[in-house]
Amino acid sequence: MIWRPTPTCREEARTPQGRPCVCWLDRGHDGDHEDAAGYRWEPPGVALRRLRDTWGGTHRIAWTGTLWIATARSQAAPWRTEIEPTPAQLEDRLRHRGSPPTIPAPR
């Protein structure tokens, strides 16, 4: 019998330093992704829902597959767009620009 490796997840992301990484866990795993160096990240769909729940009242949040983008809904906002490689960096940048909204995001 020939040994064949278990298929891996292959979900891609970027580290806070901007380095591309690929999940090496088994395909279909539960929870966070992890690369061979031990860097862990939450699934993009989970991060997108969380960011929209928190910031959707003041910003449109998008995931391009490579970058995370927040665009202020108000055209009068002094800083309209934030673009970051990770959801954590985007959230940190938004927090430094102002506090999260107290009203729920529009659905």
Protein backbone atom coordinates (compact mmCIF):
# COMPACT_ATOMS: atom_id res chain seq x y z
CA MET A 1 0.00 0.00 0.00
CA ILE A 2 1.27 3.47 -0.89
CA TRP A 3 1.21 6.08 1.86
CA ARG A 4 -0.66 9.25 0.90
CA PRO A 5 -0.74 12.34 3.09
CA THR A 6 -4.05 13.55 4.44
CA PRO A 7 -5.35 16.48 2.36
CA THR A 8 -4.75 19.79 4.09
CA CYS A 9 -7.10 22.76 4.47
CA ARG A 10 -5.01 25.20 2.36
CA GLU A 11 -6.93 28.33 3.58
CA GLU A 12 -4.70 31.36 3.02
CA ALA A 13 -4.16 34.43 5.20
CA ARG A 14 -1.50 36.97 6.13
CA THR A 15 0.38 37.33 9.38
CA PRO A 16 0.46 40.73 11.15
CA GLN A 17 3.80 41.27 9.41
CA GLY A 18 2.14 40.71 6.03
CA ARG A 19 3.70 37.30 5.37
CA PRO A 20 1.41 34.94 3.43
CA CYS A 21 0.56 31.74 5.26
CA VAL A 22 -1.40 28.59 4.42
CA CYS A 23 -3.32 26.36 6.83
CA TRP A 24 -1.69 22.97 7.12
CA LEU A 25 -4.36 21.33 9.31
CA ASP A 26 -6.49 18.51 7.90
CA ARG A 27 -9.18 19.53 5.44
CA GLY A 28 -12.52 19.96 7.21
CA HIS A 29 -10.99 20.77 10.62
CA ASP A 30 -13.02 22.75 13.16
CA GLY A 31 -12.03 26.11 14.62
CA ASP A 32 -9.10 28.35 13.82
CA HIS A 33 -6.62 27.80 11.01
CA GLU A 34 -2.91 27.28 11.68
CA ASP A 35 0.18 27.39 9.48
CA ALA A 36 3.33 25.25 9.78
CA ALA A 37 5.03 27.96 11.89
CA GLY A 38 2.19 27.91 14.46
CA TYR A 39 0.49 31.18 13.45
CA ARG A 40 -3.27 30.84 14.11
CA TRP A 41 -6.18 32.80 12.61
CA GLU A 42 -9.94 32.61 12.74
CA PRO A 43 -11.89 31.62 9.62
CA PRO A 44 -12.56 34.68 7.41
CA GLY A 45 -16.36 34.21 7.58
CA VAL A 46 -16.27 34.28 11.39
CA ALA A 47 -14.03 37.37 11.43
CA LEU A 48 -16.23 39.13 8.87
CA ARG A 49 -19.41 38.53 10.91
CA ARG A 50 -17.70 39.70 14.09
CA LEU A 51 -16.36 42.88 12.48
CA ARG A 52 -19.71 43.67 10.87
CA ASP A 53 -21.54 43.08 14.17
CA THR A 54 -19.16 45.46 15.94
CA TRP A 55 -18.45 48.11 13.29
CA GLY A 56 -21.30 47.77 10.78
CA GLY A 57 -23.17 50.75 12.23
CA THR A 58 -20.40 53.13 11.19
CA HIS A 59 -18.44 51.24 8.50
CA ARG A 60 -18.91 48.88 5.59
CA ILE A 61 -16.60 45.92 6.20
CA ALA A 62 -15.27 43.77 3.35
CA TRP A 63 -12.85 40.89 2.87
CA THR A 64 -11.20 40.77 -0.56
CA GLY A 65 -9.63 37.37 -0.06
CA THR A 66 -6.33 39.11 0.66
CA LEU A 67 -7.08 42.32 2.54
CA TRP A 68 -9.63 43.58 5.08
CA ILE A 69 -11.32 46.90 4.29
CA ALA A 70 -13.48 49.25 6.38
CA THR A 71 -15.12 52.24 4.71
CA ALA A 72 -16.86 54.84 6.87
CA ARG A 73 -20.56 55.21 6.09
CA SER A 74 -20.41 58.96 6.80
CA GLN A 75 -18.86 61.00 4.02
CA ALA A 76 -17.97 63.59 6.66
CA ALA A 77 -15.65 61.14 8.45
CA PRO A 78 -12.11 62.53 8.64
CA TRP A 79 -10.64 59.15 7.63
CA ARG A 80 -12.92 57.18 5.30
CA THR A 81 -11.07 53.96 4.47
CA GLU A 82 -8.84 51.55 6.37
CA ILE A 83 -7.10 48.64 4.64
CA GLU A 84 -5.18 46.02 6.62
CA PRO A 85 -3.85 42.48 6.02
CA THR A 86 -5.54 40.96 9.11
CA PRO A 87 -8.88 41.46 10.86
CA ALA A 88 -7.09 42.14 14.16
CA GLN A 89 -5.10 44.97 12.59
CA LEU A 90 -8.23 46.43 10.99
CA GLU A 91 -10.08 46.36 14.30
CA ASP A 92 -7.12 47.93 16.10
CA ARG A 93 -6.97 50.72 13.50
CA LEU A 94 -10.72 51.37 13.80
CA ARG A 95 -10.47 51.46 17.59
CA HIS A 96 -7.77 54.13 17.36
CA ARG A 97 -9.94 56.21 15.01
CA GLY A 98 -12.94 56.11 17.36
CA SER A 99 -15.02 53.90 19.61
CA PRO A 100 -17.28 51.16 18.25
CA PRO A 101 -20.92 52.10 17.67
CA THR A 102 -23.45 51.44 20.40
CA ILE A 103 -26.25 50.61 17.94
CA PRO A 104 -26.46 47.25 16.14
CA ALA A 105 -25.29 47.05 12.55
CA PRO A 106 -27.95 47.22 9.82
CA ARG A 107 -28.98 43.82 8.47
